[in-house]
Amino acid sequence: MDRTSELNEPLFLTSPVSPLSVHVEMWTKKVESALTDPFDHYAFYASRSICVMHPEIYLRADLWFYEHISSVPGYQNAFLEDDRESNEFLPHTQYFRSAPFDFKMFPWEKTNIVMTTKDLYPERYPFFPFLDQRMMPLASTLKTYKKEITELEAAAMRFIIETKKQESSEEVFVIYSEEGMAWISSKGEFYCAVTGEKVEDVKGKIVLIFNDKLAWYPLMGRDNVEESPYLQRLVEQYREKIGIPELTTQERTLLEKVKNATLLDGEKQEAAAVIAAVRSTGRYTKWFKFHSLWDIAMPTKKERAWQYYGFIEDILIRANTLSPISAYIAACSRNAKGYDKILVLDREWISVASLPNRNYIWGHLWDECLVEYSIDESFRTRAGHCMVQSFVISAILDMARIENYLLEGEVPGSHHYVFVPNYEFTFDNGKLQSSQNTIHWNGPRGNKVIARFHYRGKFASPIAGGHYSGTFSPAEAVEVLRKLKSLYNDRILIYVDGEHETKHPRIKEENIPTTENFEILLKEEWENVMLP
């Protein structure tokens, strides 16, 4: 897209509302609300900002992902498949046709390793020099579109390799400098994150030393040296080089609140933070081990259809509001007028995140719904299916103060999209299109059943028969459905029960019972499951 053309210029106004002011505003809101709202609390771990109280959660999450793809047959194919739209990612039975993933497959020689996250973003995006340093999940760094990762992300990979080699992480640590350089320390020896080669010393100001269990992080007041003689030895060895990174005025203002906002207390909160960092959907499949994290964080009385999906969706929507990308687009939207307020989302997001010659964003890196992705990951991988794109668009619309509903319609199969009532448009895989006088997605497969919806920070899976779940009560969910129905007098179908998801073998699509009478949800018993 020619950003200098007179046609596009009005869409990308960065005054009077500046992108940086929106970025500061969202971080300020989230660090304050995180003290009482657990979704905002875990949003920081989903953002993968390095400025959190427990950075060890990120390495722990990456180890969870690695354990899965390196033990289940088929992930060799998934890793080698570069086509984001390949059918290789859809039929799960195909995953047993090849070996598990092995780090020996990773193309280090073809990977461009940069020092900081800022090096990967367009200059026009607002950026906190330290708070916006992010260590993206292994699921994405293994398969970035441009084969670009940061030194810290490379160090995370080499940490896993070395931990498996040593059969323990007890003496393995990541060392990170203010400048963005990173190293691995293993049994008293040091290795460059970029080359993997042994080095005699590390350079720069060291601001963080951590592994998957412990951290020495003076900026955040973390000091676990008494718990590990190996960590203590590292800190003593580099006492003259260690310190606190320089922060901007905005960062210093936010710092103490970030500490409180990201503090974790106990096994349940740590499990929830790992869920946010690895983006587990809680999917119950025999070879998906991630669901055990949900059993720790949020044990429930019974298994319900998709009962955890809405939680990770809402966490990622909140996390996306912390991104420099979202701040830029939301600022441009606030400065625009009329329909340009929503057109700018389509133009900017597709211009930076779509595959070549596409006017939409859609695709997979691994099998569908194994993990999900944030806006920053979608930007760097050119991937993320309809669910991911809906998180992106809904977050930016919220930041731009534009009312929206994130809807999941069963079609058959599933499709997420965002309905914008005041403009009578929908966003489908990031692409703006007319809603055509219906709340339902008007794509070629049509829409069948409302399986889940998000609205103003809450969600529901409006499924009857003892399968209702969400942060909306059944009565609140019915009120939202009544409002949606009143707009165009649509037929709104819901599932009579969720046994087609929880029983095996699966019920055939044509035999799944549905009803237009969503008022039956008022009789549902609601287990108000809450994040810890």
Protein backbone atom coordinates (compact mmCIF):
# COMPACT_ATOMS: atom_id res chain seq x y z
CA MET A 1 0.00 0.00 0.00
CA ASP A 2 1.25 3.47 -0.88
CA ARG A 3 1.07 5.26 2.45
CA THR A 4 1.98 8.61 0.88
CA SER A 5 -0.99 8.77 -1.47
CA GLU A 6 -3.60 11.45 -0.84
CA LEU A 7 -6.26 8.75 -0.88
CA ASN A 8 -4.84 6.94 2.15
CA GLU A 9 -3.47 9.90 4.09
CA PRO A 10 -6.70 10.71 6.02
CA LEU A 11 -6.79 7.15 7.38
CA PHE A 12 -3.45 7.41 9.13
CA LEU A 13 -3.71 10.62 11.14
CA THR A 14 -1.62 10.46 14.31
CA SER A 15 -2.88 13.70 15.83
CA PRO A 16 -4.44 15.07 17.93
CA VAL A 17 -4.46 11.61 19.55
CA SER A 18 -0.92 10.22 19.31
CA PRO A 19 -0.17 6.47 19.18
CA LEU A 20 2.17 6.85 22.17
CA SER A 21 -0.58 8.47 24.25
CA VAL A 22 -2.87 5.52 23.51
CA HIS A 23 -0.08 3.10 24.39
CA VAL A 24 0.51 4.84 27.73
CA GLU A 25 -3.23 4.99 28.36
CA MET A 26 -3.74 1.25 27.83
CA TRP A 27 -0.76 0.20 29.94
CA THR A 28 -1.90 2.54 32.71
CA LYS A 29 -5.43 1.15 32.64
CA LYS A 30 -4.29 -2.47 32.62
CA VAL A 31 -1.75 -2.19 35.46
CA GLU A 32 -4.47 -0.66 37.61
CA SER A 33 -7.31 -3.01 36.66
CA ALA A 34 -5.04 -6.09 36.93
CA LEU A 35 -5.17 -5.76 40.72
CA THR A 36 -8.87 -6.69 40.70
CA ASP A 37 -9.48 -8.24 37.27
CA PRO A 38 -7.69 -11.58 36.74
CA PHE A 39 -8.07 -11.38 32.96
CA ASP A 40 -5.97 -8.21 32.93
CA HIS A 41 -3.61 -9.82 35.46
CA TYR A 42 -2.77 -12.68 33.08
CA ALA A 43 -2.87 -10.43 30.00
CA PHE A 44 0.64 -9.26 30.85
CA TYR A 45 1.93 -12.84 30.67
CA ALA A 46 0.04 -13.34 27.41
CA SER A 47 1.72 -10.19 26.04
CA ARG A 48 5.09 -11.84 26.81
CA SER A 49 6.58 -8.51 27.91
CA ILE A 50 9.87 -9.19 29.65
CA CYS A 51 8.90 -6.62 32.28
CA VAL A 52 6.94 -8.96 34.58
CA MET A 53 7.63 -10.22 38.08
CA HIS A 54 8.01 -13.83 36.96
CA PRO A 55 9.84 -14.10 33.60
CA GLU A 56 10.59 -17.75 34.42
CA ILE A 57 6.97 -18.43 33.42
CA TYR A 58 7.94 -17.86 29.76
CA LEU A 59 10.64 -20.53 29.77
CA ARG A 60 8.29 -22.87 31.61
CA ALA A 61 5.60 -22.29 28.97
CA ASP A 62 8.07 -22.90 26.14
CA LEU A 63 9.14 -26.14 27.78
CA TRP A 64 5.50 -27.25 27.89
CA PHE A 65 5.15 -26.58 24.18
CA TYR A 66 8.44 -28.26 23.35
CA GLU A 67 7.53 -31.37 25.36
CA HIS A 68 4.38 -31.68 23.28
CA ILE A 69 5.81 -31.23 19.79
CA SER A 70 8.92 -33.29 20.55
CA SER A 71 6.97 -36.28 21.86
CA VAL A 72 3.89 -36.52 19.62
CA PRO A 73 4.50 -38.02 16.15
CA GLY A 74 3.80 -35.70 13.23
CA TYR A 75 5.28 -32.38 14.30
CA GLN A 76 8.20 -32.75 11.93
CA ASN A 77 5.73 -32.25 9.08
CA ALA A 78 4.08 -29.34 10.86
CA PHE A 79 7.40 -27.56 11.42
CA LEU A 80 8.56 -28.04 7.82
CA GLU A 81 5.26 -26.84 6.32
CA ASP A 82 5.67 -23.15 5.43
CA ASP A 83 2.29 -22.71 3.74
CA ARG A 84 0.10 -21.12 6.43
CA GLU A 85 -3.01 -22.27 4.56
CA SER A 86 -1.95 -25.90 4.10
CA ASN A 87 -4.39 -28.70 4.86
CA GLU A 88 -1.53 -30.28 6.79
CA PHE A 89 -2.69 -28.33 9.82
CA LEU A 90 -6.34 -29.42 9.75
CA PRO A 91 -6.87 -33.22 9.73
CA HIS A 92 -5.31 -34.37 12.96
CA THR A 93 -4.87 -37.94 11.75
CA GLN A 94 -2.18 -36.67 9.37
CA TYR A 95 -0.02 -35.79 12.31
CA PHE A 96 1.08 -39.35 12.82
CA ARG A 97 2.67 -39.60 9.38
CA SER A 98 6.04 -38.20 10.45
CA ALA A 99 8.40 -38.02 13.42
CA PRO A 100 8.10 -35.54 16.32
CA PHE A 101 9.88 -32.19 16.13
CA ASP A 102 13.62 -32.09 16.82
CA PHE A 103 15.68 -28.90 17.30
CA LYS A 104 18.20 -30.32 14.85
CA MET A 105 15.70 -29.25 12.19
CA PHE A 106 15.83 -25.55 13.12
CA PRO A 107 17.66 -23.50 10.43
CA TRP A 108 19.98 -21.41 12.58
CA GLU A 109 22.08 -20.50 9.55
CA LYS A 110 19.04 -19.00 7.77
CA THR A 111 17.71 -17.14 10.81
CA ASN A 112 18.34 -13.42 11.29
CA ILE A 113 18.85 -12.76 15.00
CA VAL A 114 18.36 -9.14 16.07
CA MET A 115 19.07 -7.55 19.44
CA THR A 116 15.72 -6.03 20.38
CA THR A 117 12.03 -6.38 19.66
CA LYS A 118 11.91 -2.80 18.37
CA ASP A 119 14.09 -3.85 15.42
CA LEU A 120 11.15 -5.93 14.15
CA TYR A 121 8.47 -3.20 14.16
CA PRO A 122 7.78 -0.32 11.73
CA GLU A 123 9.22 2.96 13.00
CA ARG A 124 5.77 4.55 13.09
CA TYR A 125 4.65 2.32 15.97
CA PRO A 126 5.00 3.63 19.57
CA PHE A 127 7.44 1.66 21.68
CA PHE A 128 8.56 1.53 25.31
CA PRO A 129 12.32 0.80 25.23
CA PHE A 130 12.13 -1.82 27.99
CA LEU A 131 8.48 -2.63 28.76
CA ASP A 132 7.91 -3.55 25.10
CA GLN A 133 10.80 -5.99 24.93
CA ARG A 134 8.93 -9.25 24.38
CA MET A 135 9.98 -12.87 24.34
CA MET A 136 7.45 -14.43 21.99
CA PRO A 137 6.37 -18.07 22.53
CA LEU A 138 8.32 -20.94 21.02
CA ALA A 139 5.27 -21.84 18.92
CA SER A 140 5.82 -18.61 16.98
CA THR A 141 9.58 -18.05 17.15
CA LEU A 142 10.16 -21.43 15.51
CA LYS A 143 8.16 -20.27 12.48
CA THR A 144 8.40 -16.48 12.02
CA TYR A 145 7.56 -15.37 8.50
CA LYS A 146 10.81 -13.50 7.86
CA LYS A 147 12.95 -15.96 9.85
CA GLU A 148 13.73 -13.20 12.38
CA ILE A 149 13.99 -13.62 16.13
CA THR A 150 15.60 -11.66 18.97
CA GLU A 151 18.67 -12.75 20.92
CA LEU A 152 16.46 -13.38 23.94
CA GLU A 153 14.19 -15.64 21.89
CA ALA A 154 17.23 -17.47 20.53
CA ALA A 155 18.44 -17.88 24.11
CA ALA A 156 15.08 -19.43 25.06
CA MET A 157 15.56 -22.04 22.34
CA ARG A 158 19.12 -22.79 23.39
CA PHE A 159 17.99 -22.97 27.01
CA ILE A 160 15.61 -25.79 26.09
CA ILE A 161 18.29 -27.57 24.07
CA GLU A 162 20.80 -27.33 26.92
CA THR A 163 18.24 -28.32 29.56
CA LYS A 164 17.42 -31.48 27.63
CA LYS A 165 21.11 -32.18 27.12
CA GLN A 166 21.81 -31.84 30.86
CA GLU A 167 18.50 -33.55 31.75
CA SER A 168 17.85 -30.71 34.19
CA SER A 169 17.64 -26.91 34.23
CA GLU A 170 19.20 -26.69 37.69
CA GLU A 171 22.52 -25.34 36.35
CA VAL A 172 21.18 -23.76 33.14
CA PHE A 173 20.31 -20.04 33.01
CA VAL A 174 19.56 -17.33 30.47
CA ILE A 175 21.58 -14.12 30.92
CA TYR A 176 20.08 -10.96 29.39
CA SER A 177 21.65 -7.52 29.00
CA GLU A 178 20.12 -4.06 28.81
CA GLU A 179 21.31 -3.77 25.20
CA GLY A 180 19.38 -6.91 24.20
CA MET A 181 22.28 -9.37 24.09
CA ALA A 182 21.72 -12.82 25.57
CA TRP A 183 23.75 -15.86 26.61
CA ILE A 184 23.27 -19.30 28.12
CA SER A 185 25.14 -20.32 31.25
CA SER A 186 25.44 -24.07 31.72
CA LYS A 187 27.54 -25.65 34.45
CA GLY A 188 29.85 -22.65 34.65
CA GLU A 189 30.33 -22.28 30.89
CA PHE A 190 28.85 -19.57 28.69
CA TYR A 191 27.37 -19.79 25.21
CA CYS A 192 26.37 -17.04 22.79
CA ALA A 193 22.63 -17.06 22.02
CA VAL A 194 23.32 -16.03 18.42
CA THR A 195 25.94 -18.59 17.45
CA GLY A 196 25.63 -21.22 20.15
CA GLU A 197 29.42 -21.08 20.47
CA LYS A 198 31.23 -21.08 23.79
CA VAL A 199 32.44 -17.64 24.95
CA GLU A 200 34.77 -16.57 27.73
CA ASP A 201 32.73 -13.66 29.02
CA VAL A 202 29.48 -11.70 28.62
CA LYS A 203 29.17 -8.03 27.67
CA GLY A 204 27.09 -5.01 28.58
CA LYS A 205 24.94 -4.35 31.64
CA ILE A 206 23.30 -7.56 32.87
CA VAL A 207 19.71 -6.88 33.95
CA LEU A 208 18.20 -10.37 34.21
CA ILE A 209 19.36 -13.93 34.93
CA PHE A 210 16.68 -16.64 34.96
CA ASN A 211 15.62 -20.16 34.14
CA ASP A 212 12.24 -21.90 34.27
CA LYS A 213 12.11 -21.85 38.09
CA LEU A 214 14.21 -18.97 39.43
CA ALA A 215 15.09 -15.37 38.62
CA TRP A 216 17.54 -12.69 39.63
CA TYR A 217 15.89 -9.47 38.46
CA PRO A 218 16.81 -6.32 40.44
CA LEU A 219 14.46 -4.10 38.40
CA MET A 220 11.50 -6.12 39.68
CA GLY A 221 12.93 -6.84 43.13
CA ARG A 222 13.42 -10.56 42.43
CA ASP A 223 16.32 -12.34 44.11
CA ASN A 224 16.27 -16.16 44.28
CA VAL A 225 20.01 -16.58 44.92
CA GLU A 226 19.41 -18.28 48.27
CA GLU A 227 17.47 -21.01 46.47
CA SER A 228 20.26 -21.89 44.05
CA PRO A 229 24.03 -21.95 44.59
CA TYR A 230 24.43 -21.87 40.80
CA LEU A 231 22.42 -18.66 40.46
CA GLN A 232 24.29 -17.20 43.43
CA ARG A 233 27.62 -17.98 41.79
CA LEU A 234 26.54 -16.20 38.58
CA VAL A 235 25.39 -13.10 40.44
CA GLU A 236 28.63 -12.94 42.42
CA GLN A 237 30.71 -13.49 39.28
CA TYR A 238 29.10 -10.56 37.47
CA ARG A 239 28.44 -8.27 40.42
CA GLU A 240 30.30 -5.42 38.67
CA LYS A 241 28.23 -5.77 35.49
CA ILE A 242 24.75 -6.18 36.90
CA GLY A 243 22.23 -3.41 37.29
CA ILE A 244 18.89 -1.87 36.41
CA PRO A 245 18.03 -0.81 32.83
CA GLU A 246 17.47 2.84 31.98
CA LEU A 247 13.74 3.57 31.76
CA THR A 248 11.80 6.40 30.17
CA THR A 249 9.64 8.70 32.28
CA GLN A 250 6.52 6.77 31.26
CA GLU A 251 8.15 3.46 32.13
CA ARG A 252 9.29 4.67 35.56
CA THR A 253 5.75 5.85 36.28
CA LEU A 254 4.36 2.43 35.38
CA LEU A 255 7.04 0.25 36.99
CA GLU A 256 5.72 -0.14 40.56
CA LYS A 257 2.23 -0.83 39.26
CA VAL A 258 3.58 -3.41 36.80
CA LYS A 259 5.24 -5.22 39.71
CA ASN A 260 1.94 -5.46 41.58
CA ALA A 261 -0.01 -6.28 38.42
CA THR A 262 2.18 -9.26 37.54
CA LEU A 263 2.85 -10.78 40.96
CA LEU A 264 1.93 -14.48 41.15
CA ASP A 265 0.92 -16.24 44.35
CA GLY A 266 0.85 -20.02 44.45
CA GLU A 267 0.49 -23.01 42.14
CA LYS A 268 -2.89 -22.04 40.67
CA GLN A 269 -1.79 -18.56 39.61
CA GLU A 270 1.46 -19.90 38.17
CA ALA A 271 -0.48 -22.49 36.15
CA ALA A 272 -2.81 -19.77 34.85
CA ALA A 273 0.18 -17.61 33.88
CA VAL A 274 1.73 -20.54 31.99
CA ILE A 275 -1.61 -21.04 30.20
CA ALA A 276 -1.57 -17.37 29.18
CA ALA A 277 2.06 -17.55 28.07
CA VAL A 278 1.65 -20.75 26.03
CA ARG A 279 -1.93 -19.83 24.86
CA SER A 280 -3.46 -23.23 25.65
CA THR A 281 -7.11 -23.55 24.63
CA GLY A 282 -7.74 -26.22 27.26
CA ARG A 283 -8.68 -28.61 24.51
CA TYR A 284 -9.40 -32.11 25.82
CA THR A 285 -7.66 -34.48 23.42
CA LYS A 286 -5.67 -37.47 24.63
CA TRP A 287 -2.37 -36.27 23.15
CA PHE A 288 -2.82 -32.62 24.22
CA LYS A 289 -1.21 -32.46 27.65
CA PHE A 290 -1.92 -28.76 28.12
CA HIS A 291 -5.36 -29.39 29.61
CA SER A 292 -3.71 -30.55 32.85
CA LEU A 293 -2.70 -26.91 33.43
CA TRP A 294 -6.36 -25.93 33.40
CA ASP A 295 -7.13 -28.71 35.88
CA ILE A 296 -4.65 -27.06 38.26
CA ALA A 297 -5.64 -23.44 37.64
CA MET A 298 -9.42 -23.82 37.34
CA PRO A 299 -10.78 -27.20 38.45
CA THR A 300 -14.45 -27.66 37.54
CA LYS A 301 -17.26 -29.94 38.68
CA LYS A 302 -17.73 -31.41 35.21
CA GLU A 303 -16.44 -31.36 31.65
CA ARG A 304 -18.37 -28.99 29.41
CA ALA A 305 -18.07 -28.26 25.71
CA TRP A 306 -15.37 -25.64 25.07
CA GLN A 307 -15.58 -24.41 28.67
CA TYR A 308 -12.04 -23.00 28.70
CA TYR A 309 -11.85 -21.47 25.21
CA GLY A 310 -13.54 -18.24 26.23
CA PHE A 311 -11.02 -17.67 29.02
CA ILE A 312 -7.92 -17.77 26.81
CA GLU A 313 -9.78 -15.72 24.18
CA ASP A 314 -10.56 -12.98 26.69
CA ILE A 315 -7.01 -13.01 28.07
CA LEU A 316 -5.60 -12.55 24.57
CA ILE A 317 -8.04 -9.75 23.74
CA ARG A 318 -6.77 -7.90 26.83
CA ALA A 319 -3.13 -8.73 25.98
CA ASN A 320 -3.56 -7.27 22.50
CA THR A 321 -4.40 -3.88 23.99
CA LEU A 322 -0.81 -3.72 25.32
CA SER A 323 0.74 -3.97 21.85
CA PRO A 324 2.42 -1.08 19.98
CA ILE A 325 0.56 -2.24 16.85
CA SER A 326 -2.84 -1.90 18.51
CA ALA A 327 -1.94 1.51 19.92
CA TYR A 328 -1.01 2.86 16.49
CA ILE A 329 -4.15 1.58 14.75
CA ALA A 330 -6.45 2.66 17.58
CA ALA A 331 -4.97 6.17 17.55
CA CYS A 332 -5.53 6.44 13.80
CA SER A 333 -9.10 5.24 14.27
CA ARG A 334 -9.81 7.82 16.97
CA ASN A 335 -8.46 10.58 14.72
CA ALA A 336 -10.50 9.48 11.70
CA LYS A 337 -14.12 10.34 10.92
CA GLY A 338 -17.15 8.32 9.86
CA TYR A 339 -16.51 4.94 8.28
CA ASP A 340 -12.80 5.72 8.10
CA LYS A 341 -12.74 4.87 11.80
CA ILE A 342 -13.20 1.19 10.97
CA LEU A 343 -11.63 1.24 7.51
CA VAL A 344 -8.25 2.12 9.03
CA LEU A 345 -8.24 -1.23 10.88
CA ASP A 346 -8.68 -3.16 7.66
CA ARG A 347 -6.08 -1.13 5.74
CA GLU A 348 -3.31 -1.03 8.34
CA TRP A 349 -3.62 -4.51 9.82
CA ILE A 350 -3.86 -6.30 6.49
CA SER A 351 -0.98 -4.24 5.09
CA VAL A 352 1.42 -5.41 7.82
CA ALA A 353 0.20 -8.92 8.65
CA SER A 354 -1.23 -10.58 5.53
CA LEU A 355 0.55 -12.97 3.21
CA PRO A 356 1.52 -11.54 -0.21
CA ASN A 357 -1.43 -10.88 -2.53
CA ARG A 358 -4.02 -11.53 0.19
CA ASN A 359 -6.71 -9.11 1.34
CA TYR A 360 -7.30 -11.08 4.54
CA ILE A 361 -5.23 -12.74 7.28
CA TRP A 362 -5.66 -16.43 8.06
CA GLY A 363 -3.45 -19.43 8.62
CA HIS A 364 -1.85 -21.93 10.94
CA LEU A 365 1.62 -22.77 12.22
CA TRP A 366 0.68 -25.99 14.01
CA ASP A 367 -2.47 -28.07 14.29
CA GLU A 368 -5.59 -26.00 14.64
CA CYS A 369 -6.41 -24.84 18.18
CA LEU A 370 -3.34 -26.43 19.79
CA VAL A 371 -2.36 -22.91 20.87
CA GLU A 372 -3.51 -19.43 19.86
CA TYR A 373 -1.58 -16.25 19.04
CA SER A 374 -1.40 -12.58 20.01
CA ILE A 375 -1.39 -9.63 17.61
CA ASP A 376 2.40 -9.42 17.86
CA GLU A 377 2.75 -13.09 16.92
CA SER A 378 0.31 -12.78 14.03
CA PHE A 379 2.32 -9.79 12.78
CA ARG A 380 5.60 -11.71 12.93
CA THR A 381 4.32 -15.03 11.57
CA ARG A 382 1.68 -13.88 9.05
CA ALA A 383 -0.57 -16.49 10.62
CA GLY A 384 -3.49 -16.85 12.98
CA HIS A 385 -6.87 -18.24 11.99
CA CYS A 386 -10.26 -16.58 12.41
CA MET A 387 -10.19 -16.86 16.21
CA VAL A 388 -6.88 -14.99 16.42
CA GLN A 389 -7.96 -12.28 13.98
CA SER A 390 -11.11 -11.71 15.99
CA PHE A 391 -9.04 -11.15 19.15
CA VAL A 392 -6.97 -8.60 17.23
CA ILE A 393 -9.88 -6.66 15.77
CA SER A 394 -12.02 -6.71 18.91
CA ALA A 395 -9.13 -5.41 21.02
CA ILE A 396 -8.42 -2.51 18.65
CA LEU A 397 -12.11 -1.62 18.38
CA ASP A 398 -12.31 -1.56 22.18
CA MET A 399 -9.30 0.77 22.27
CA ALA A 400 -10.91 2.95 19.59
CA ARG A 401 -14.11 3.05 21.70
CA ILE A 402 -16.23 1.36 19.05
CA GLU A 403 -18.91 -1.08 20.20
CA ASN A 404 -18.39 -4.63 18.90
CA TYR A 405 -19.41 -8.23 19.41
CA LEU A 406 -16.98 -11.09 18.89
CA LEU A 407 -19.13 -14.01 17.72
CA GLU A 408 -18.37 -17.65 17.08
CA GLY A 409 -20.77 -19.28 14.68
CA GLU A 410 -20.85 -22.99 13.95
CA VAL A 411 -21.19 -23.34 10.20
CA PRO A 412 -20.62 -26.52 10.38
CA GLY A 413 -17.17 -26.27 11.77
CA SER A 414 -16.45 -23.02 13.52
CA HIS A 415 -15.85 -19.43 12.47
CA HIS A 416 -15.06 -16.37 14.58
CA TYR A 417 -15.85 -12.87 13.35
CA VAL A 418 -16.50 -9.41 14.79
CA PHE A 419 -19.82 -7.61 14.30
CA VAL A 420 -19.82 -3.78 14.54
CA PRO A 421 -23.48 -2.78 14.99
CA ASN A 422 -23.26 1.01 14.69
CA TYR A 423 -21.54 0.72 11.30
CA GLU A 424 -23.37 -2.45 10.14
CA PHE A 425 -20.10 -4.11 9.16
CA THR A 426 -18.28 -7.26 10.18
CA PHE A 427 -14.59 -8.10 10.28
CA ASP A 428 -13.90 -11.53 8.83
CA ASN A 429 -10.26 -12.67 9.11
CA GLY A 430 -9.28 -9.02 9.47
CA LYS A 431 -11.20 -8.00 6.35
CA LEU A 432 -13.99 -5.44 6.54
CA GLN A 433 -17.28 -6.32 4.85
CA SER A 434 -20.91 -5.28 4.99
CA SER A 435 -22.99 -7.18 7.53
CA GLN A 436 -25.85 -7.33 4.99
CA ASN A 437 -28.64 -6.84 7.53
CA THR A 438 -27.76 -9.76 9.76
CA ILE A 439 -25.59 -10.40 12.80
CA HIS A 440 -24.54 -13.72 11.27
CA TRP A 441 -21.41 -14.17 9.23
CA ASN A 442 -22.57 -14.07 5.64
CA GLY A 443 -19.80 -16.20 4.13
CA PRO A 444 -20.14 -19.01 1.60
CA ARG A 445 -20.81 -21.65 4.27
CA GLY A 446 -23.43 -19.54 5.99
CA ASN A 447 -23.94 -19.46 9.74
CA LYS A 448 -25.68 -22.04 11.83
CA VAL A 449 -25.36 -21.81 15.61
CA ILE A 450 -24.04 -19.19 18.02
CA ALA A 451 -21.52 -21.21 20.03
CA ARG A 452 -19.85 -18.35 21.94
CA PHE A 453 -19.79 -14.56 22.11
CA HIS A 454 -17.73 -11.82 23.76
CA TYR A 455 -19.10 -8.39 24.58
CA ARG A 456 -17.65 -5.59 26.72
CA GLY A 457 -15.13 -7.72 28.55
CA LYS A 458 -17.34 -10.73 29.29
CA PHE A 459 -18.21 -13.89 27.37
CA ALA A 460 -20.59 -16.84 27.23
CA SER A 461 -20.82 -20.24 25.57
CA PRO A 462 -24.64 -20.32 25.34
CA ILE A 463 -25.02 -24.08 25.33
CA ALA A 464 -27.90 -25.70 27.21
CA GLY A 465 -28.19 -29.18 28.72
CA GLY A 466 -25.77 -28.54 31.58
CA HIS A 467 -23.01 -27.25 29.31
CA TYR A 468 -23.44 -23.49 29.80
CA SER A 469 -20.21 -21.68 30.69
CA GLY A 470 -18.85 -18.16 30.70
CA THR A 471 -18.38 -14.99 32.72
CA PHE A 472 -21.85 -13.78 31.76
CA SER A 473 -24.53 -15.37 33.92
CA PRO A 474 -27.20 -17.23 31.90
CA ALA A 475 -29.60 -14.32 32.48
CA GLU A 476 -27.02 -11.80 31.25
CA ALA A 477 -26.29 -13.96 28.20
CA VAL A 478 -29.97 -14.12 27.31
CA GLU A 479 -30.18 -10.31 27.53
CA VAL A 480 -27.30 -10.00 25.04
CA LEU A 481 -28.92 -12.52 22.68
CA ARG A 482 -32.23 -10.63 22.89
CA LYS A 483 -30.43 -7.43 21.96
CA LEU A 484 -28.70 -9.10 19.00
CA LYS A 485 -31.97 -10.62 17.81
CA SER A 486 -33.73 -7.25 17.99
CA LEU A 487 -31.32 -5.67 15.49
CA TYR A 488 -32.48 -7.61 12.40
CA ASN A 489 -34.90 -10.17 13.84
CA ASP A 490 -32.40 -12.93 13.03
CA ARG A 491 -32.97 -16.59 13.82
CA ILE A 492 -30.47 -17.23 16.60
CA LEU A 493 -29.85 -20.92 17.16
CA ILE A 494 -28.06 -22.41 20.15
CA TYR A 495 -27.10 -25.98 20.99
CA VAL A 496 -29.56 -27.95 23.13
CA ASP A 497 -26.55 -29.59 24.80
CA GLY A 498 -22.80 -29.99 24.31
CA GLU A 499 -22.53 -33.75 24.18
CA HIS A 500 -21.41 -33.62 20.54
CA GLU A 501 -18.12 -32.24 21.91
CA THR A 502 -17.68 -34.25 25.09
CA LYS A 503 -18.89 -37.69 24.01
CA HIS A 504 -16.88 -40.09 21.90
CA PRO A 505 -17.37 -41.08 19.21
CA ARG A 506 -18.47 -37.63 18.10
CA ILE A 507 -22.10 -37.06 17.11
CA LYS A 508 -22.62 -36.50 13.39
CA GLU A 509 -23.18 -32.86 12.41
CA GLU A 510 -26.71 -33.41 11.12
CA ASN A 511 -27.73 -35.09 14.38
CA ILE A 512 -26.67 -32.30 16.75
CA PRO A 513 -29.81 -30.88 18.41
CA THR A 514 -30.34 -27.10 18.22
CA THR A 515 -33.10 -24.69 19.15
CA GLU A 516 -34.20 -21.10 18.43
CA ASN A 517 -35.49 -20.81 21.98
CA PHE A 518 -32.38 -19.43 23.64
CA GLU A 519 -34.58 -18.47 26.61
CA ILE A 520 -34.05 -22.05 27.86
CA LEU A 521 -30.63 -20.85 29.05
CA LEU A 522 -32.43 -19.17 31.95
CA LYS A 523 -32.92 -22.64 33.46
CA GLU A 524 -29.20 -23.48 33.28
CA GLU A 525 -27.20 -24.05 36.44
CA TRP A 526 -24.18 -21.76 36.23
CA GLU A 527 -20.85 -22.85 37.64
CA ASN A 528 -19.13 -19.48 37.86
CA VAL A 529 -15.60 -20.75 37.21
CA MET A 530 -13.07 -18.00 37.89
CA LEU A 531 -9.42 -17.43 37.09
CA PRO A 532 -7.30 -17.71 40.24
